[in-house]
C-alpha cells in the first residue's frame, strides 16, 4: 500500500499511514521527518520520502512527538542505516531507549474491547508491529531551545500527559501545529470526529493531557496536523478548546 501524501503548505506534507500519520518538512533537498508510523509502515515511510522528491539519506533529522510504537516505528532503522539523528524531549529520551514503557497494554485494550472500534484497531495494531519493540539506540534531546536548525524550523513545545515527554511542533511562520497525540482529529476507536483527545486508555496521565491542551491553545496557527485523523483547518486555539470541552 502506497503512502497517502498530502501537501498542506509550501514544503509541508501530512502523510497518512496505517492508522497513524507522520509529517515531512522540505527545504530544498533537505528533509525533516516528524514521527515514523508503526514498524510495519516502513515501506510507506520510504515511499513518502520519494513522493516529495526526497530520499532517506536526505533526512536531516527525525523528530519524535513521543515514543509510542506507532510513532517510533522506523526511527532506529533510519538512524542505523543512514546515521540520521533522532531527537525528542529530554524526558522522552529514556522512553525511546525503552528503559520504561508508557503505552497502553494488551490487557488494558482487552478490558476495553467492548467499545466500538477497539477490536478491529487492536488487530490492525498487532499486524503492524504495535507490540514489537524497536528501541532507538542513541536518541538525543533537542539540541537547543526555540526553533530547531532543521528544514521547517520547527519549535518543540512540551505537552506532557499522553507521555511524560510528549511534544508538539509549532511552525509559526506557516501557522501550523504538528500535534502528535496531544490533540487529534479522529481515531478508529473514537466515537466522534474533529478535535479531541484520544480515548482515556491511551494516556499515561489523562489529567496532564487535558492541561496540555491549554498550552496548545496558546500557539498561533490555523492548521493542525495530528498524529491521527485528517488535517484540521481553523484556529488551533479553537480546536484545543473544543477538545478540552469534549474531555470534560
Protein backbone atom coordinates (compact mmCIF):
# COMPACT_ATOMS: atom_id res chain seq x y z
CA UNK A 1 0.00 0.00 0.00
CA UNK A 2 1.41 3.38 -1.01
CA UNK A 3 1.54 6.26 1.42
CA UNK A 4 -1.17 8.91 1.21
CA UNK A 5 0.91 12.09 0.91
CA UNK A 6 -0.90 15.42 1.07
CA UNK A 7 0.76 18.79 0.70
CA UNK A 8 -0.76 21.22 3.20
CA UNK A 9 1.60 24.17 2.72
CA UNK A 10 4.77 25.06 0.87
CA UNK A 11 7.31 22.41 1.89
CA UNK A 12 4.94 20.75 4.40
CA UNK A 13 3.33 17.34 3.85
CA UNK A 14 0.98 15.30 6.03
CA UNK A 15 1.27 11.57 5.35
CA UNK A 16 -1.48 9.13 6.33
CA UNK A 17 -0.02 5.71 7.04
CA UNK A 18 -1.91 2.78 8.51
CA UNK A 19 -3.99 4.42 11.25
CA UNK A 20 -1.25 6.91 12.09
CA UNK A 21 0.30 9.99 10.50
CA UNK A 22 3.73 11.48 10.03
CA UNK A 23 4.88 14.83 8.63
CA UNK A 24 7.62 15.75 6.15
CA UNK A 25 9.13 19.24 6.10
CA UNK A 26 11.16 20.07 2.99
CA UNK A 27 13.66 22.84 2.36
CA UNK A 28 15.44 22.43 -0.95
CA UNK A 29 16.78 18.89 -1.00
CA UNK A 30 16.82 18.52 2.80
CA UNK A 31 14.02 16.99 4.86
CA UNK A 32 12.81 16.80 8.44
CA UNK A 33 10.69 13.76 9.27
CA UNK A 34 8.31 14.12 12.21
CA UNK A 35 7.33 10.66 13.51
CA UNK A 36 7.69 7.42 11.57
CA UNK A 37 4.50 5.37 11.94
CA UNK A 38 4.26 1.74 13.01
CA UNK A 39 7.18 -0.66 12.39
CA UNK A 40 5.03 -2.17 9.64
CA UNK A 41 4.74 1.23 7.93
CA UNK A 42 8.42 1.32 6.91
CA UNK A 43 7.85 0.89 3.17
CA UNK A 44 5.22 3.63 3.29
CA UNK A 45 7.62 5.93 5.13
CA UNK A 46 10.29 5.38 2.47
CA UNK A 47 7.72 5.77 -0.30
CA UNK A 48 6.53 9.08 1.16
CA UNK A 49 10.07 10.47 1.16
CA UNK A 50 10.36 9.59 -2.53
CA UNK A 51 6.93 11.08 -3.26
CA UNK A 52 8.05 14.54 -2.09
CA UNK A 53 11.23 14.35 -4.14
CA UNK A 54 13.48 13.24 -1.30
CA UNK A 55 15.27 10.14 -0.09
CA UNK A 56 16.15 8.57 3.29
CA UNK A 57 19.69 9.92 3.13
CA UNK A 58 18.30 13.46 2.69
CA UNK A 59 16.55 13.39 6.10
CA UNK A 60 18.48 15.84 8.28
CA UNK A 61 16.78 14.58 11.44
CA UNK A 62 13.87 12.54 12.73
CA UNK A 63 11.77 14.36 15.33
CA UNK A 64 9.56 12.20 17.53
CA UNK A 65 6.47 13.62 19.25
CA UNK A 66 6.50 10.68 21.66
CA UNK A 67 7.97 7.20 21.79
CA UNK A 68 4.90 5.03 21.26
CA UNK A 69 5.38 2.19 18.79
CA UNK A 70 3.08 3.72 16.20
CA UNK A 71 5.25 6.87 16.03
CA UNK A 72 8.71 5.47 16.72
CA UNK A 73 8.47 2.59 14.22
CA UNK A 74 11.30 3.32 11.76
CA UNK A 75 13.35 5.83 13.76
CA UNK A 76 16.08 3.34 14.68
CA UNK A 77 16.16 1.98 11.14
CA UNK A 78 16.91 5.45 9.76
CA UNK A 79 19.46 6.14 12.50
CA UNK A 80 21.29 2.83 11.94
CA UNK A 81 21.10 2.79 8.14
CA UNK A 82 21.77 6.46 7.40
CA UNK A 83 23.15 7.99 10.59
CA UNK A 84 20.05 10.16 10.95
CA UNK A 85 19.86 11.82 14.38
CA UNK A 86 16.67 11.11 16.32
CA UNK A 87 15.55 13.99 18.56
CA UNK A 88 12.96 14.00 21.37
CA UNK A 89 12.22 15.94 24.54
CA UNK A 90 14.74 15.06 27.25
CA UNK A 91 12.02 13.33 29.30
CA UNK A 92 11.20 11.12 26.31
CA UNK A 93 14.79 10.04 25.55
CA UNK A 94 14.82 7.12 28.04
CA UNK A 95 11.37 6.14 26.78
CA UNK A 96 12.77 5.87 23.25
CA UNK A 97 15.58 3.67 24.61
CA UNK A 98 12.86 1.52 26.22
CA UNK A 99 14.17 1.99 29.74
CA UNK A 100 10.45 2.11 30.55
CA UNK A 101 7.22 1.96 28.54
CA UNK A 102 4.31 4.37 28.92
CA UNK A 103 1.96 2.70 26.47
CA UNK A 104 -1.43 1.02 26.69
CA UNK A 105 -1.04 -2.68 27.46
CA UNK A 106 -2.74 -5.55 25.67
CA UNK A 107 -4.63 -6.24 28.90
CA UNK A 108 -5.98 -2.68 29.02
CA UNK A 109 -7.06 -2.92 25.40
CA UNK A 110 -8.86 -6.20 26.06
CA UNK A 111 -10.68 -4.65 29.02
CA UNK A 112 -11.96 -2.01 26.59
CA UNK A 113 -12.71 -4.47 23.77
CA UNK A 114 -16.46 -3.91 24.18
CA UNK A 115 -16.07 -0.34 22.94
CA UNK A 116 -16.83 0.32 19.24
CA UNK A 117 -13.79 0.03 17.00
CA UNK A 118 -11.38 -1.30 19.62
CA UNK A 119 -11.10 -4.91 18.41
CA UNK A 120 -10.52 -4.02 14.72
CA UNK A 121 -7.98 -1.39 15.79
CA UNK A 122 -6.20 -3.93 18.01
CA UNK A 123 -5.96 -6.48 15.20
CA UNK A 124 -4.51 -3.83 12.89
CA UNK A 125 -2.04 -2.67 15.55
CA UNK A 126 -0.79 -6.22 16.13
CA UNK A 127 -0.37 -6.82 12.40
CA UNK A 128 1.53 -3.53 12.07
CA UNK A 129 4.02 -4.33 14.82
CA UNK A 130 2.29 -2.39 17.56
CA UNK A 131 3.61 -4.68 20.30
CA UNK A 132 7.11 -5.00 18.86
CA UNK A 133 9.94 -3.09 20.50
CA UNK A 134 12.34 -1.14 18.28
CA UNK A 135 14.26 1.00 20.79
CA UNK A 136 16.40 3.83 19.49
CA UNK A 137 19.99 3.03 20.42
CA UNK A 138 21.17 6.63 20.64
CA UNK A 139 18.24 9.05 20.88
CA UNK A 140 19.13 12.66 21.59
CA UNK A 141 17.42 15.51 23.42
CA UNK A 142 16.61 18.56 21.32
CA UNK A 143 19.90 20.39 20.78
CA UNK A 144 18.58 23.87 21.61
CA UNK A 145 15.60 25.81 22.87
CA UNK A 146 13.41 27.59 20.34
CA UNK A 147 13.38 26.87 16.60
CA UNK A 148 15.47 23.89 15.56
CA UNK A 149 18.04 24.45 12.83
CA UNK A 150 16.31 21.99 10.52
CA UNK A 151 14.06 22.18 7.46
CA UNK A 152 10.81 23.83 8.52
CA UNK A 153 12.40 25.46 11.60
CA UNK A 154 10.03 23.56 13.95
CA UNK A 155 9.70 24.74 17.54
CA UNK A 156 9.23 21.92 20.09
CA UNK A 157 6.59 22.62 22.76
CA UNK A 158 6.46 20.24 25.73
CA UNK A 159 2.90 18.92 26.15
CA UNK A 160 3.07 16.12 28.76
CA UNK A 161 0.27 13.76 29.64
CA UNK A 162 -0.03 11.36 26.76
CA UNK A 163 3.55 10.50 27.78
CA UNK A 164 5.90 12.38 30.09
CA UNK A 165 7.93 13.84 27.26
CA UNK A 166 5.31 14.36 24.57
CA UNK A 167 5.96 17.41 22.37
CA UNK A 168 4.07 19.17 19.66
CA UNK A 169 5.95 21.11 16.97
CA UNK A 170 4.96 24.66 16.09
CA UNK A 171 5.73 26.17 12.69
CA UNK A 172 5.00 29.84 13.49
CA UNK A 173 5.70 31.28 10.04
CA UNK A 174 3.36 28.77 8.39
CA UNK A 175 0.69 28.88 11.09
CA UNK A 176 0.90 25.10 11.58
CA UNK A 177 0.93 22.92 14.69
CA UNK A 178 2.06 19.30 14.40
CA UNK A 179 0.21 17.91 17.38
CA UNK A 180 1.11 14.22 17.61
CA UNK A 181 -1.24 12.56 20.08
CA UNK A 182 -1.73 15.60 22.32
CA UNK A 183 -4.62 16.69 20.07
CA UNK A 184 -6.07 14.55 17.28
CA UNK A 185 -8.92 14.86 14.79
CA UNK A 186 -10.02 11.22 14.74
CA UNK A 187 -9.08 7.64 15.59
CA UNK A 188 -10.54 4.20 14.77
CA UNK A 189 -11.56 3.83 18.44
CA UNK A 190 -13.08 7.31 18.77
CA UNK A 191 -16.82 7.91 18.70
CA UNK A 192 -16.62 11.47 17.35
CA UNK A 193 -14.81 13.30 14.58
CA UNK A 194 -12.96 16.58 14.87
CA UNK A 195 -10.58 17.95 17.53
CA UNK A 196 -10.38 15.68 20.56
CA UNK A 197 -8.18 13.80 22.97
CA UNK A 198 -7.60 10.14 22.30
CA UNK A 199 -9.69 7.74 24.44
CA UNK A 200 -8.58 7.64 28.07
CA UNK A 201 -6.80 4.27 27.93
CA UNK A 202 -4.12 5.68 25.64
CA UNK A 203 -2.91 8.42 28.02
CA UNK A 204 -0.24 7.88 30.66
CA UNK A 205 -1.72 10.75 32.72
CA UNK A 206 -5.04 11.96 31.37
CA UNK A 207 -5.26 14.99 33.66
CA UNK A 208 -1.92 16.31 32.39
CA UNK A 209 -3.01 15.62 28.80
CA UNK A 210 -6.08 17.79 29.38
CA UNK A 211 -3.94 20.52 30.96
CA UNK A 212 -1.56 20.47 27.99
CA UNK A 213 -4.43 21.50 25.73
CA UNK A 214 -4.11 24.95 27.31
CA UNK A 215 -0.52 25.12 26.05
CA UNK A 216 -1.71 24.28 22.55
CA UNK A 217 -4.40 26.96 22.82
CA UNK A 218 -1.59 29.50 23.15
CA UNK A 219 0.03 28.58 19.82
CA UNK A 220 -0.75 30.81 16.88
CA UNK A 221 -1.90 28.83 13.86
CA UNK A 222 -4.79 27.87 11.63
CA UNK A 223 -3.74 24.38 10.52
CA UNK A 224 -3.47 21.31 12.74
CA UNK A 225 -1.53 18.23 11.61
CA UNK A 226 -2.46 15.49 14.11
CA UNK A 227 -0.94 12.09 14.77
CA UNK A 228 -4.32 10.52 13.97
CA UNK A 229 -7.11 11.76 11.74
CA UNK A 230 -7.26 14.25 8.86
CA UNK A 231 -5.76 17.72 8.68
CA UNK A 232 -7.86 20.22 10.61
CA UNK A 233 -8.28 23.73 9.23
CA UNK A 234 -9.31 26.53 11.54
CA UNK A 235 -7.80 28.33 14.52
CA UNK A 236 -5.68 25.94 16.55
CA UNK A 237 -6.83 27.78 19.66
CA UNK A 238 -10.45 26.83 18.96
CA UNK A 239 -9.51 23.22 18.15
CA UNK A 240 -7.79 22.86 21.52
CA UNK A 241 -10.74 24.47 23.29
CA UNK A 242 -13.15 22.08 21.58
CA UNK A 243 -11.05 19.11 22.66
CA UNK A 244 -10.95 20.41 26.23
CA UNK A 245 -14.74 20.80 26.28
CA UNK A 246 -15.17 17.26 24.98
CA UNK A 247 -12.74 15.97 27.60
CA UNK A 248 -14.99 17.30 30.35
